[in-house]
Amino acid sequence: MKKIYNPLLIVLLVITGFTSLAQNSPFEFGVKGGLNLSSLSFNNNTIPTNRIKPGVNIGFTTTYNFRQNFFLQSGLSFTTKGAEIKGEAPMGFDYNLVYPGREAVLKSNQLYLQVPIYAGYRLDVLPGTRLVLTAGPYVAYGIGGKTQLTGDILYGDMIDYSTLEEKTFASRGLERFDVGIGTGIGVDFGRAIVGLTYELGLKDIGPSGTVYWPFYSNSYKNRNASLSLEYKF
């Protein structure tokens, strides 16, 4: 039994000490996760506008508290972005790889590691409840994902309704590095914060080399709205 209790006691002491240190420090640490609704912004007005793709985000946060309810927050998160576009083909291919016919679908899956640097302010509204406002830049790096195009595909002199697939961040895909700004609003209940955030990508992450299916020869910019729950230690 001692072999079981001793490790548990050590873990309990570490957690207790960590929590005590956080209470006596301007720093706060937490975990955060939630749901995304992402899309891509294009400079081609003929691309269908129904582009929303659901996703997830999960990570940890580090907050530095200043006086008078001001704070600075950063951290590291894993987040999924992209778009799911449905519409009549062709969907932006100059050489008509996808022919007009049945509905075409483009699914762009983008997996990122992301670091925000947000300034924030807490506004007391009720005892034990505060309104939280945040804004600032973020940087992200693409670590994976695949992009698929489904439609009436031309194969020589034959047309077949099928799916083409390419790695999202391969040499013929999107650029991995992204930067943008985000703003959010939330409700702080003490240890738990429920928040809404909107992110606006500023960098064109479109393919820099030869465009290959299933990508557009276009400008790509990320857009993402998220609902998240943060728990502070």
Protein backbone atom coordinates (compact mmCIF):
# COMPACT_ATOMS: atom_id res chain seq x y z
CA MET A 1 0.00 0.00 0.00
CA LYS A 2 2.89 2.37 0.73
CA LYS A 3 4.00 2.03 -2.88
CA ILE A 4 0.62 3.45 -3.91
CA TYR A 5 0.21 6.13 -1.25
CA ASN A 6 3.69 7.64 -1.50
CA PRO A 7 3.41 8.77 -5.16
CA LEU A 8 -0.11 10.06 -4.52
CA LEU A 9 1.13 12.05 -1.53
CA ILE A 10 3.94 13.58 -3.61
CA VAL A 11 1.53 14.58 -6.37
CA LEU A 12 -0.84 16.12 -3.82
CA LEU A 13 1.98 18.12 -2.22
CA VAL A 14 3.18 19.39 -5.61
CA ILE A 15 -0.33 20.49 -6.62
CA THR A 16 -0.87 22.17 -3.23
CA GLY A 17 2.43 23.99 -3.44
CA PHE A 18 1.82 25.05 -7.03
CA THR A 19 -1.64 26.40 -6.13
CA SER A 20 -0.26 28.27 -3.11
CA LEU A 21 2.49 29.81 -5.23
CA ALA A 22 -0.02 30.94 -7.86
CA GLN A 23 -2.20 32.58 -5.19
CA ASN A 24 0.72 34.67 -3.94
CA SER A 25 1.94 35.65 -7.39
CA PRO A 26 0.69 37.98 -10.14
CA PHE A 27 0.83 34.94 -12.45
CA GLU A 28 -2.11 32.61 -13.04
CA PHE A 29 -2.02 29.34 -14.97
CA GLY A 30 -4.87 27.45 -16.54
CA VAL A 31 -6.14 25.02 -19.14
CA LYS A 32 -8.53 25.97 -21.91
CA GLY A 33 -10.58 24.15 -24.52
CA GLY A 34 -13.57 24.64 -26.75
CA LEU A 35 -15.18 24.61 -30.17
CA ASN A 36 -14.24 26.51 -33.35
CA LEU A 37 -16.26 27.71 -36.31
CA SER A 38 -13.67 28.61 -38.95
CA SER A 39 -13.69 29.79 -42.55
CA LEU A 40 -11.37 31.17 -45.21
CA SER A 41 -11.52 34.59 -46.81
CA PHE A 42 -10.76 34.79 -50.55
CA ASN A 43 -10.25 37.68 -52.97
CA ASN A 44 -12.37 35.87 -55.57
CA ASN A 45 -16.03 36.88 -55.25
CA THR A 46 -17.22 33.94 -57.36
CA ILE A 47 -16.25 31.40 -54.67
CA PRO A 48 -19.32 30.23 -52.69
CA THR A 49 -19.81 32.02 -49.37
CA ASN A 50 -21.02 29.02 -47.32
CA ARG A 51 -17.60 28.09 -45.90
CA ILE A 52 -18.05 27.32 -42.20
CA LYS A 53 -16.13 24.35 -40.79
CA PRO A 54 -16.43 23.13 -37.16
CA GLY A 55 -13.30 22.37 -35.16
CA VAL A 56 -11.72 22.31 -31.70
CA ASN A 57 -9.11 24.12 -29.62
CA ILE A 58 -7.25 22.98 -26.50
CA GLY A 59 -4.23 24.27 -24.63
CA PHE A 60 -2.88 26.06 -21.56
CA THR A 61 -2.80 29.72 -20.56
CA THR A 62 -0.45 31.97 -18.61
CA THR A 63 -1.82 35.25 -17.25
CA TYR A 64 0.05 38.12 -15.64
CA ASN A 65 -2.18 40.35 -13.52
CA PHE A 66 -1.49 44.05 -13.25
CA ARG A 67 -3.25 46.39 -10.86
CA GLN A 68 -6.74 47.76 -11.43
CA ASN A 69 -8.07 44.69 -13.27
CA PHE A 70 -5.66 44.86 -16.23
CA PHE A 71 -3.84 41.69 -17.31
CA LEU A 72 -1.71 40.18 -20.08
CA GLN A 73 -2.39 36.64 -21.29
CA SER A 74 -0.50 34.19 -23.49
CA GLY A 75 -0.11 30.42 -23.75
CA LEU A 76 0.03 27.63 -26.28
CA SER A 77 -2.91 25.91 -27.93
CA PHE A 78 -3.66 23.29 -30.53
CA THR A 79 -6.40 24.59 -32.81
CA THR A 80 -8.07 23.42 -36.01
CA LYS A 81 -9.09 25.84 -38.75
CA GLY A 82 -9.96 25.80 -42.43
CA ALA A 83 -13.19 25.76 -44.43
CA GLU A 84 -15.77 23.50 -45.98
CA ILE A 85 -17.01 25.04 -49.23
CA LYS A 86 -19.95 23.72 -51.21
CA GLY A 87 -21.13 25.05 -54.55
CA GLU A 88 -21.36 24.56 -58.25
CA ALA A 89 -18.10 23.78 -60.04
CA PRO A 90 -15.75 25.00 -61.36
CA MET A 91 -14.50 26.32 -58.01
CA GLY A 92 -11.63 28.58 -59.04
CA PHE A 93 -9.51 26.41 -61.30
CA ASP A 94 -8.40 28.28 -64.43
CA TYR A 95 -7.76 25.09 -66.41
CA ASN A 96 -11.20 23.57 -65.57
CA LEU A 97 -9.93 20.55 -63.67
CA VAL A 98 -13.36 20.46 -62.01
CA TYR A 99 -16.23 20.65 -64.49
CA PRO A 100 -19.67 22.15 -63.92
CA GLY A 101 -22.05 19.43 -62.82
CA ARG A 102 -22.98 18.03 -59.47
CA GLU A 103 -22.20 20.02 -56.31
CA ALA A 104 -18.47 20.33 -55.63
CA VAL A 105 -17.08 20.30 -52.09
CA LEU A 106 -13.71 21.62 -50.91
CA LYS A 107 -12.64 20.69 -47.37
CA SER A 108 -9.55 22.48 -46.08
CA ASN A 109 -8.31 21.05 -42.75
CA GLN A 110 -5.61 23.13 -41.05
CA LEU A 111 -3.99 22.02 -37.78
CA TYR A 112 -2.06 24.71 -35.91
CA LEU A 113 -0.01 25.36 -32.82
CA GLN A 114 -0.95 28.90 -31.82
CA VAL A 115 0.37 31.51 -29.38
CA PRO A 116 -1.76 34.58 -28.56
CA ILE A 117 -0.55 37.72 -26.78
CA TYR A 118 -3.72 39.36 -25.49
CA ALA A 119 -4.17 42.41 -23.28
CA GLY A 120 -7.27 42.23 -21.13
CA TYR A 121 -9.48 44.02 -18.62
CA ARG A 122 -11.85 42.63 -16.00
CA LEU A 123 -14.98 44.58 -15.15
CA ASP A 124 -16.88 43.76 -11.94
CA VAL A 125 -20.58 43.24 -12.68
CA LEU A 126 -21.81 41.06 -9.77
CA PRO A 127 -20.23 39.68 -6.59
CA GLY A 128 -17.94 36.90 -7.74
CA THR A 129 -18.63 37.59 -11.42
CA ARG A 130 -16.65 39.77 -13.81
CA LEU A 131 -16.87 40.65 -17.49
CA VAL A 132 -13.58 39.98 -19.32
CA LEU A 133 -12.48 41.85 -22.45
CA THR A 134 -9.37 40.84 -24.44
CA ALA A 135 -7.61 41.86 -27.65
CA GLY A 136 -4.24 41.41 -29.28
CA PRO A 137 -2.14 39.58 -31.89
CA TYR A 138 -1.53 35.88 -32.38
CA VAL A 139 0.98 33.78 -34.29
CA ALA A 140 0.34 30.23 -35.52
CA TYR A 141 2.30 27.49 -37.24
CA GLY A 142 0.67 24.78 -39.35
CA ILE A 143 1.62 21.28 -38.27
CA GLY A 144 -0.71 19.13 -40.36
CA GLY A 145 -4.01 18.56 -42.08
CA LYS A 146 -5.33 17.47 -45.47
CA THR A 147 -7.37 19.27 -48.11
CA GLN A 148 -9.89 17.41 -50.25
CA LEU A 149 -11.78 18.36 -53.38
CA THR A 150 -14.80 16.31 -54.43
CA GLY A 151 -16.56 16.94 -57.74
CA ASP A 152 -16.78 16.04 -61.43
CA ILE A 153 -13.05 15.61 -62.07
CA LEU A 154 -11.54 15.55 -65.55
CA TYR A 155 -9.25 12.54 -66.22
CA GLY A 156 -8.03 12.89 -69.79
CA ASP A 157 -11.17 12.60 -71.91
CA MET A 158 -13.24 11.11 -69.06
CA ILE A 159 -15.17 12.84 -66.28
CA ASP A 160 -15.65 11.03 -62.97
CA TYR A 161 -17.24 12.24 -59.72
CA SER A 162 -14.42 11.55 -57.29
CA THR A 163 -12.20 13.03 -54.55
CA LEU A 164 -8.70 14.46 -54.84
CA GLU A 165 -6.56 14.93 -51.72
CA GLU A 166 -3.37 16.85 -50.89
CA LYS A 167 -1.51 17.66 -47.67
CA THR A 168 -2.59 21.14 -46.58
CA PHE A 169 0.90 22.39 -45.71
CA ALA A 170 2.99 20.44 -48.22
CA SER A 171 5.32 22.13 -50.71
CA ARG A 172 2.40 22.70 -53.08
CA GLY A 173 0.00 23.65 -50.32
CA LEU A 174 -0.68 26.56 -48.00
CA GLU A 175 2.03 28.45 -46.12
CA ARG A 176 2.53 27.18 -42.58
CA PHE A 177 3.10 30.49 -40.79
CA ASP A 178 0.06 32.63 -39.97
CA VAL A 179 -0.38 35.86 -38.02
CA GLY A 180 -3.48 37.80 -37.11
CA ILE A 181 -5.41 39.62 -34.41
CA GLY A 182 -8.07 38.41 -32.03
CA THR A 183 -10.66 39.92 -29.72
CA GLY A 184 -12.80 38.29 -27.10
CA ILE A 185 -15.43 38.70 -24.42
CA GLY A 186 -16.07 36.39 -21.51
CA VAL A 187 -17.56 35.91 -18.07
CA ASP A 188 -15.20 35.20 -15.16
CA PHE A 189 -16.75 33.15 -12.33
CA GLY A 190 -13.55 32.94 -10.31
CA ARG A 191 -11.79 29.75 -11.32
CA ALA A 192 -13.76 29.25 -14.53
CA ILE A 193 -14.12 31.59 -17.52
CA VAL A 194 -16.55 31.10 -20.40
CA GLY A 195 -15.58 33.18 -23.43
CA LEU A 196 -16.17 33.98 -27.08
CA THR A 197 -13.23 34.89 -29.32
CA TYR A 198 -12.98 36.00 -32.94
CA GLU A 199 -9.70 35.76 -34.87
CA LEU A 200 -8.90 37.65 -38.06
CA GLY A 201 -5.97 36.34 -40.08
CA LEU A 202 -3.88 39.14 -41.59
CA LYS A 203 -1.40 37.09 -43.60
CA ASP A 204 -2.09 35.65 -47.03
CA ILE A 205 -1.32 31.95 -46.55
CA GLY A 206 -2.13 31.03 -50.15
CA PRO A 207 0.22 28.71 -52.09
CA SER A 208 3.46 30.50 -52.95
CA GLY A 209 4.53 28.05 -55.65
CA THR A 210 2.77 26.14 -58.39
CA VAL A 211 -0.89 25.69 -57.49
CA TYR A 212 -1.93 22.06 -57.52
CA TRP A 213 -5.24 20.39 -56.85
CA PRO A 214 -7.18 20.71 -54.67
CA PHE A 215 -6.04 24.27 -53.95
CA TYR A 216 -7.28 27.52 -55.44
CA SER A 217 -4.99 29.94 -57.23
CA ASN A 218 -6.18 32.53 -54.79
CA SER A 219 -5.58 34.52 -51.63
CA TYR A 220 -6.27 32.64 -48.38
CA LYS A 221 -6.83 34.33 -45.00
CA ASN A 222 -8.06 32.59 -41.88
CA ARG A 223 -11.21 33.53 -40.00
CA ASN A 224 -12.22 31.80 -36.77
CA ALA A 225 -14.81 32.16 -34.00
CA SER A 226 -14.48 30.03 -30.87
CA LEU A 227 -16.44 29.26 -27.72
CA SER A 228 -14.17 28.10 -24.91
CA LEU A 229 -14.02 27.20 -21.24
CA GLU A 230 -10.90 28.09 -19.21
CA TYR A 231 -10.11 26.76 -15.76
CA LYS A 232 -7.49 28.56 -13.64
CA PHE A 233 -5.38 26.75 -11.02
